[in-house]
N, C-alpha and C. Protein backbone atom coordinates (compact mmCIF):
# COMPACT_ATOMS: atom_id res chain seq x y z
N GLN A 1 278.64 229.48 184.99
CA GLN A 1 279.75 230.41 185.15
C GLN A 1 279.23 231.81 185.45
N LEU A 2 279.99 232.51 186.25
CA LEU A 2 279.62 233.87 186.62
C LEU A 2 280.89 234.71 186.57
N ALA A 3 280.92 235.71 185.72
CA ALA A 3 282.06 236.62 185.67
C ALA A 3 281.74 237.85 186.51
N LEU A 4 282.73 238.32 187.23
CA LEU A 4 282.57 239.50 188.08
C LEU A 4 283.57 240.57 187.66
N VAL A 5 283.12 241.80 187.62
CA VAL A 5 284.01 242.90 187.26
C VAL A 5 283.87 244.00 188.30
N GLU A 6 284.99 244.30 188.96
CA GLU A 6 285.00 245.38 189.94
C GLU A 6 285.41 246.68 189.27
N SER A 7 284.98 247.75 189.85
CA SER A 7 285.40 249.08 189.41
C SER A 7 285.26 250.05 190.58
N GLY A 8 285.84 251.22 190.41
CA GLY A 8 285.69 252.25 191.43
C GLY A 8 286.95 252.54 192.22
N GLY A 9 287.96 251.70 192.06
CA GLY A 9 289.20 251.96 192.78
C GLY A 9 289.87 253.22 192.26
N ASP A 10 290.58 253.89 193.16
CA ASP A 10 291.21 255.17 192.78
C ASP A 10 292.22 255.56 193.83
N LEU A 11 292.89 256.65 193.60
CA LEU A 11 293.76 257.28 194.58
C LEU A 11 292.93 258.33 195.32
N VAL A 12 292.94 258.24 196.63
CA VAL A 12 292.14 259.15 197.43
C VAL A 12 292.94 259.58 198.65
N GLN A 13 292.66 260.75 199.14
CA GLN A 13 293.35 261.24 200.32
C GLN A 13 292.75 260.64 201.58
N PRO A 14 293.51 260.58 202.65
CA PRO A 14 292.95 260.09 203.93
C PRO A 14 291.72 260.90 204.30
N GLY A 15 290.71 260.19 204.77
CA GLY A 15 289.44 260.82 205.09
C GLY A 15 288.46 260.83 203.95
N GLY A 16 288.91 260.45 202.77
CA GLY A 16 288.04 260.44 201.60
C GLY A 16 287.15 259.22 201.53
N SER A 17 286.37 259.17 200.48
CA SER A 17 285.41 258.07 200.29
C SER A 17 285.51 257.51 198.88
N LEU A 18 285.17 256.26 198.76
CA LEU A 18 285.07 255.61 197.46
C LEU A 18 283.91 254.63 197.51
N ARG A 19 283.30 254.40 196.36
CA ARG A 19 282.32 253.34 196.24
C ARG A 19 282.79 252.37 195.16
N LEU A 20 283.00 251.15 195.57
CA LEU A 20 283.39 250.10 194.63
C LEU A 20 282.13 249.38 194.15
N SER A 21 282.17 248.99 192.89
CA SER A 21 281.06 248.24 192.31
C SER A 21 281.54 246.88 191.85
N CYS A 22 280.67 245.94 191.89
CA CYS A 22 280.95 244.58 191.42
C CYS A 22 279.77 244.17 190.55
N VAL A 23 280.01 244.08 189.26
CA VAL A 23 278.95 243.74 188.32
C VAL A 23 279.10 242.30 187.87
N ALA A 24 278.02 241.57 187.95
CA ALA A 24 278.03 240.16 187.56
C ALA A 24 277.53 239.98 186.13
N SER A 25 278.02 238.94 185.49
CA SER A 25 277.63 238.68 184.10
C SER A 25 276.28 238.00 184.00
N GLY A 26 275.80 237.48 185.11
CA GLY A 26 274.53 236.78 185.11
C GLY A 26 273.80 237.02 186.41
N PRO A 27 272.70 236.33 186.59
CA PRO A 27 271.92 236.50 187.82
C PRO A 27 272.76 236.21 189.06
N MET A 28 272.66 237.09 190.02
CA MET A 28 273.45 236.92 191.23
C MET A 28 272.57 236.88 192.47
N LYS A 29 271.27 236.88 192.28
CA LYS A 29 270.38 237.04 193.43
C LYS A 29 270.38 235.85 194.37
N TYR A 30 270.96 234.73 193.95
CA TYR A 30 270.96 233.56 194.81
C TYR A 30 272.29 233.32 195.49
N VAL A 31 273.27 234.18 195.25
CA VAL A 31 274.60 233.90 195.77
C VAL A 31 275.05 234.94 196.78
N THR A 32 275.88 234.49 197.70
CA THR A 32 276.54 235.38 198.64
C THR A 32 277.66 236.14 197.92
N ILE A 33 277.84 237.38 198.28
CA ILE A 33 278.94 238.20 197.74
C ILE A 33 279.87 238.58 198.88
N GLY A 34 281.12 238.27 198.69
CA GLY A 34 282.13 238.68 199.65
C GLY A 34 283.03 239.75 199.05
N TRP A 35 283.37 240.71 199.87
CA TRP A 35 284.37 241.71 199.48
C TRP A 35 285.65 241.40 200.25
N PHE A 36 286.74 241.33 199.51
CA PHE A 36 288.02 241.01 200.10
C PHE A 36 289.03 242.09 199.70
N ARG A 37 290.11 242.11 200.42
CA ARG A 37 291.21 242.98 200.01
C ARG A 37 292.53 242.32 200.34
N GLN A 38 293.52 242.71 199.58
CA GLN A 38 294.87 242.20 199.84
C GLN A 38 295.86 243.34 199.66
N ALA A 39 296.54 243.63 200.73
CA ALA A 39 297.59 244.65 200.71
C ALA A 39 298.93 243.98 200.45
N PRO A 40 299.90 244.70 199.94
CA PRO A 40 301.22 244.10 199.67
C PRO A 40 301.80 243.47 200.92
N GLY A 41 302.24 242.23 200.78
CA GLY A 41 302.86 241.54 201.88
C GLY A 41 301.91 241.02 202.94
N LYS A 42 300.63 241.15 202.70
CA LYS A 42 299.65 240.70 203.68
C LYS A 42 298.72 239.65 203.08
N GLU A 43 298.10 238.91 203.96
CA GLU A 43 297.15 237.91 203.49
C GLU A 43 295.84 238.58 203.05
N ARG A 44 295.19 237.91 202.16
CA ARG A 44 293.87 238.38 201.76
C ARG A 44 292.92 238.29 202.95
N GLU A 45 292.07 239.28 203.10
CA GLU A 45 291.12 239.28 204.20
C GLU A 45 289.75 239.70 203.70
N MET A 46 288.77 239.16 204.34
CA MET A 46 287.39 239.55 204.02
C MET A 46 287.09 240.89 204.69
N VAL A 47 286.56 241.78 203.91
CA VAL A 47 286.16 243.08 204.42
C VAL A 47 284.70 243.05 204.84
N SER A 48 283.89 242.44 204.01
CA SER A 48 282.46 242.40 204.27
C SER A 48 281.84 241.27 203.48
N CYS A 49 280.69 240.82 203.94
CA CYS A 49 280.00 239.74 203.25
C CYS A 49 278.51 240.01 203.32
N ILE A 50 277.85 239.82 202.21
CA ILE A 50 276.41 240.05 202.17
C ILE A 50 275.74 238.84 201.54
N THR A 51 274.74 238.34 202.22
CA THR A 51 274.06 237.14 201.74
C THR A 51 273.15 237.47 200.56
N ALA A 52 272.61 236.42 199.98
CA ALA A 52 271.72 236.59 198.83
C ALA A 52 270.49 237.43 199.19
N ARG A 53 270.10 237.36 200.45
CA ARG A 53 268.93 238.11 200.89
C ARG A 53 269.28 239.50 201.39
N GLY A 54 270.55 239.87 201.27
CA GLY A 54 270.93 241.23 201.63
C GLY A 54 271.33 241.40 203.08
N ARG A 55 271.55 240.31 203.77
CA ARG A 55 271.95 240.40 205.18
C ARG A 55 273.48 240.45 205.28
N ILE A 56 273.97 241.46 205.96
CA ILE A 56 275.42 241.58 206.14
C ILE A 56 275.80 240.74 207.34
N THR A 57 276.55 239.71 207.10
CA THR A 57 276.86 238.79 208.17
C THR A 57 278.28 238.92 208.68
N HIS A 58 279.10 239.67 208.02
CA HIS A 58 280.47 239.82 208.51
C HIS A 58 281.01 241.16 208.06
N GLN A 59 281.72 241.79 208.94
CA GLN A 59 282.51 242.95 208.58
C GLN A 59 283.80 242.89 209.38
N ALA A 60 284.91 243.19 208.73
CA ALA A 60 286.17 243.25 209.43
C ALA A 60 286.11 244.36 210.47
N GLU A 61 286.82 244.17 211.58
CA GLU A 61 286.82 245.18 212.64
C GLU A 61 287.24 246.54 212.11
N SER A 62 288.21 246.53 211.22
CA SER A 62 288.72 247.79 210.68
C SER A 62 287.70 248.49 209.79
N ALA A 63 286.69 247.76 209.34
CA ALA A 63 285.70 248.33 208.42
C ALA A 63 284.45 248.83 209.15
N LYS A 64 284.24 248.34 210.34
CA LYS A 64 283.00 248.68 211.04
C LYS A 64 282.89 250.17 211.29
N GLY A 65 281.73 250.69 210.96
CA GLY A 65 281.50 252.11 211.14
C GLY A 65 281.97 252.97 209.99
N ARG A 66 282.74 252.36 209.08
CA ARG A 66 283.25 253.13 207.94
C ARG A 66 282.80 252.56 206.60
N PHE A 67 282.70 251.27 206.50
CA PHE A 67 282.33 250.62 205.23
C PHE A 67 280.93 250.04 205.36
N THR A 68 280.25 250.03 204.23
CA THR A 68 278.99 249.33 204.18
C THR A 68 278.86 248.65 202.81
N THR A 69 278.15 247.57 202.79
CA THR A 69 277.96 246.88 201.54
C THR A 69 276.48 246.68 201.29
N TYR A 70 276.08 246.72 200.04
CA TYR A 70 274.70 246.47 199.68
C TYR A 70 274.67 245.95 198.25
N ARG A 71 273.50 245.50 197.85
CA ARG A 71 273.41 244.91 196.53
C ARG A 71 272.10 245.30 195.87
N GLU A 72 272.14 245.33 194.56
CA GLU A 72 270.94 245.57 193.74
C GLU A 72 270.87 244.41 192.77
N ASN A 73 270.15 243.40 193.15
CA ASN A 73 270.13 242.17 192.36
C ASN A 73 269.56 242.39 190.96
N ASP A 74 268.61 243.30 190.84
CA ASP A 74 268.03 243.53 189.52
C ASP A 74 269.04 244.15 188.56
N LYS A 75 270.05 244.83 189.13
CA LYS A 75 271.13 245.40 188.33
C LYS A 75 272.35 244.49 188.31
N LYS A 76 272.26 243.36 188.97
CA LYS A 76 273.36 242.40 189.05
C LYS A 76 274.62 243.06 189.58
N THR A 77 274.46 243.91 190.57
CA THR A 77 275.58 244.70 191.08
C THR A 77 275.59 244.69 192.61
N ALA A 78 276.79 244.57 193.14
CA ALA A 78 277.02 244.73 194.57
C ALA A 78 277.97 245.91 194.75
N TYR A 79 277.86 246.54 195.92
CA TYR A 79 278.65 247.74 196.17
C TYR A 79 279.35 247.65 197.51
N LEU A 80 280.49 248.31 197.58
CA LEU A 80 281.20 248.50 198.84
C LEU A 80 281.44 249.99 198.98
N GLN A 81 280.70 250.61 199.88
CA GLN A 81 280.87 252.03 200.14
C GLN A 81 281.88 252.18 201.26
N MET A 82 282.94 252.93 200.99
CA MET A 82 284.01 253.09 201.96
C MET A 82 284.16 254.56 202.30
N ASN A 83 284.02 254.86 203.56
CA ASN A 83 284.13 256.25 204.04
C ASN A 83 285.29 256.37 205.01
N ASN A 84 285.74 257.60 205.18
CA ASN A 84 286.81 257.89 206.13
C ASN A 84 288.01 256.95 205.92
N LEU A 85 288.44 256.87 204.69
CA LEU A 85 289.54 255.97 204.36
C LEU A 85 290.84 256.41 205.00
N ASN A 86 291.68 255.45 205.33
CA ASN A 86 293.00 255.74 205.85
C ASN A 86 294.04 254.93 205.08
N VAL A 87 295.30 255.23 205.33
CA VAL A 87 296.36 254.62 204.52
C VAL A 87 296.38 253.11 204.66
N GLU A 88 295.90 252.60 205.79
CA GLU A 88 295.87 251.15 205.99
C GLU A 88 294.83 250.45 205.11
N ASP A 89 293.98 251.24 204.48
CA ASP A 89 292.98 250.66 203.58
C ASP A 89 293.53 250.46 202.17
N THR A 90 294.75 250.89 201.93
CA THR A 90 295.36 250.71 200.62
C THR A 90 295.52 249.22 200.33
N ALA A 91 294.95 248.79 199.21
CA ALA A 91 294.97 247.36 198.86
C ALA A 91 294.29 247.18 197.51
N VAL A 92 294.40 245.98 196.99
CA VAL A 92 293.57 245.57 195.87
C VAL A 92 292.30 244.96 196.46
N TYR A 93 291.17 245.45 196.01
CA TYR A 93 289.89 244.99 196.51
C TYR A 93 289.23 244.08 195.48
N TYR A 94 288.71 242.96 195.97
CA TYR A 94 288.08 241.97 195.11
C TYR A 94 286.67 241.69 195.60
N CYS A 95 285.81 241.41 194.66
CA CYS A 95 284.54 240.81 195.04
C CYS A 95 284.57 239.35 194.59
N ALA A 96 283.86 238.55 195.33
CA ALA A 96 283.80 237.13 195.04
C ALA A 96 282.39 236.64 195.29
N ALA A 97 282.03 235.59 194.60
CA ALA A 97 280.67 235.08 194.71
C ALA A 97 280.65 233.59 194.98
N GLU A 98 279.58 233.17 195.61
CA GLU A 98 279.30 231.77 195.88
C GLU A 98 280.31 231.17 196.84
N GLY A 99 280.24 231.62 198.03
CA GLY A 99 281.07 231.08 199.09
C GLY A 99 280.45 231.44 200.42
N PRO A 100 280.92 230.84 201.49
CA PRO A 100 280.34 231.13 202.80
C PRO A 100 280.90 232.41 203.41
N CYS A 101 280.07 233.12 204.12
CA CYS A 101 280.54 234.34 204.78
C CYS A 101 281.56 234.02 205.88
N GLY A 102 281.60 232.79 206.31
CA GLY A 102 282.57 232.41 207.33
C GLY A 102 283.96 232.11 206.78
N ASP A 103 284.10 232.15 205.49
CA ASP A 103 285.40 231.89 204.86
C ASP A 103 286.13 233.22 204.73
N TYR A 104 286.82 233.62 205.77
CA TYR A 104 287.38 234.96 205.85
C TYR A 104 288.58 235.18 204.94
N ARG A 105 289.14 234.12 204.39
CA ARG A 105 290.25 234.25 203.45
C ARG A 105 289.81 234.01 202.01
N GLY A 106 288.59 233.55 201.83
CA GLY A 106 288.07 233.35 200.49
C GLY A 106 288.52 232.08 199.82
N TYR A 107 288.97 231.11 200.57
CA TYR A 107 289.53 229.90 199.97
C TYR A 107 288.51 229.10 199.16
N THR A 108 287.26 229.20 199.54
CA THR A 108 286.26 228.34 198.89
C THR A 108 285.33 229.11 197.96
N TYR A 109 285.58 230.39 197.78
CA TYR A 109 284.71 231.14 196.87
C TYR A 109 284.95 230.71 195.44
N ARG A 110 283.87 230.56 194.72
CA ARG A 110 283.97 229.96 193.39
C ARG A 110 284.33 230.98 192.31
N TYR A 111 283.79 232.19 192.42
CA TYR A 111 283.99 233.17 191.35
C TYR A 111 284.66 234.43 191.92
N TRP A 112 285.59 234.97 191.14
CA TRP A 112 286.34 236.15 191.57
C TRP A 112 286.42 237.18 190.45
N GLY A 113 286.42 238.43 190.86
CA GLY A 113 286.71 239.49 189.91
C GLY A 113 288.21 239.69 189.80
N GLN A 114 288.60 240.61 188.95
CA GLN A 114 290.02 240.84 188.68
C GLN A 114 290.66 241.77 189.70
N GLY A 115 289.84 242.44 190.49
CA GLY A 115 290.35 243.34 191.50
C GLY A 115 290.40 244.78 191.02
N THR A 116 290.31 245.68 191.98
CA THR A 116 290.43 247.11 191.69
C THR A 116 291.31 247.73 192.78
N GLN A 117 292.25 248.56 192.36
CA GLN A 117 293.25 249.11 193.28
C GLN A 117 292.71 250.34 193.99
N VAL A 118 292.86 250.32 195.29
CA VAL A 118 292.54 251.49 196.12
C VAL A 118 293.82 251.96 196.77
N ASN A 119 294.15 253.20 196.54
CA ASN A 119 295.32 253.81 197.16
C ASN A 119 294.89 255.00 197.98
N VAL A 120 295.27 254.99 199.24
CA VAL A 120 294.95 256.09 200.13
C VAL A 120 296.27 256.74 200.53
N SER A 121 296.42 257.97 200.11
CA SER A 121 297.68 258.66 200.35
C SER A 121 297.47 260.16 200.28
N SER A 122 298.26 260.85 201.08
CA SER A 122 298.21 262.31 201.03
C SER A 122 299.26 262.84 200.05
């Protein structure tokens, strides 16, 4: 079993930045980490995915150039750095572990955090 806890969500103005953290309860160095988000009335979507070796294999088009993800396995933590946020980025953000980066909806990911709310508003 692997428990994940996200943090870092907040209310931010358009153009602002946030860094989300995902802390695992156990070793995570062998698993892929996916970052997902779900806005009200919309389907969950993968924002970014980072393999166990730290290779970013997927980023949503809306995230490219603005978001980056990285991990510190010794700290059992993955991060989603989000810059130049806009109102369309408002959503609950989740990290998930042990699933394929090609699963853009997260249907097969085994472990999920509880989510952290990001609100972008002026």
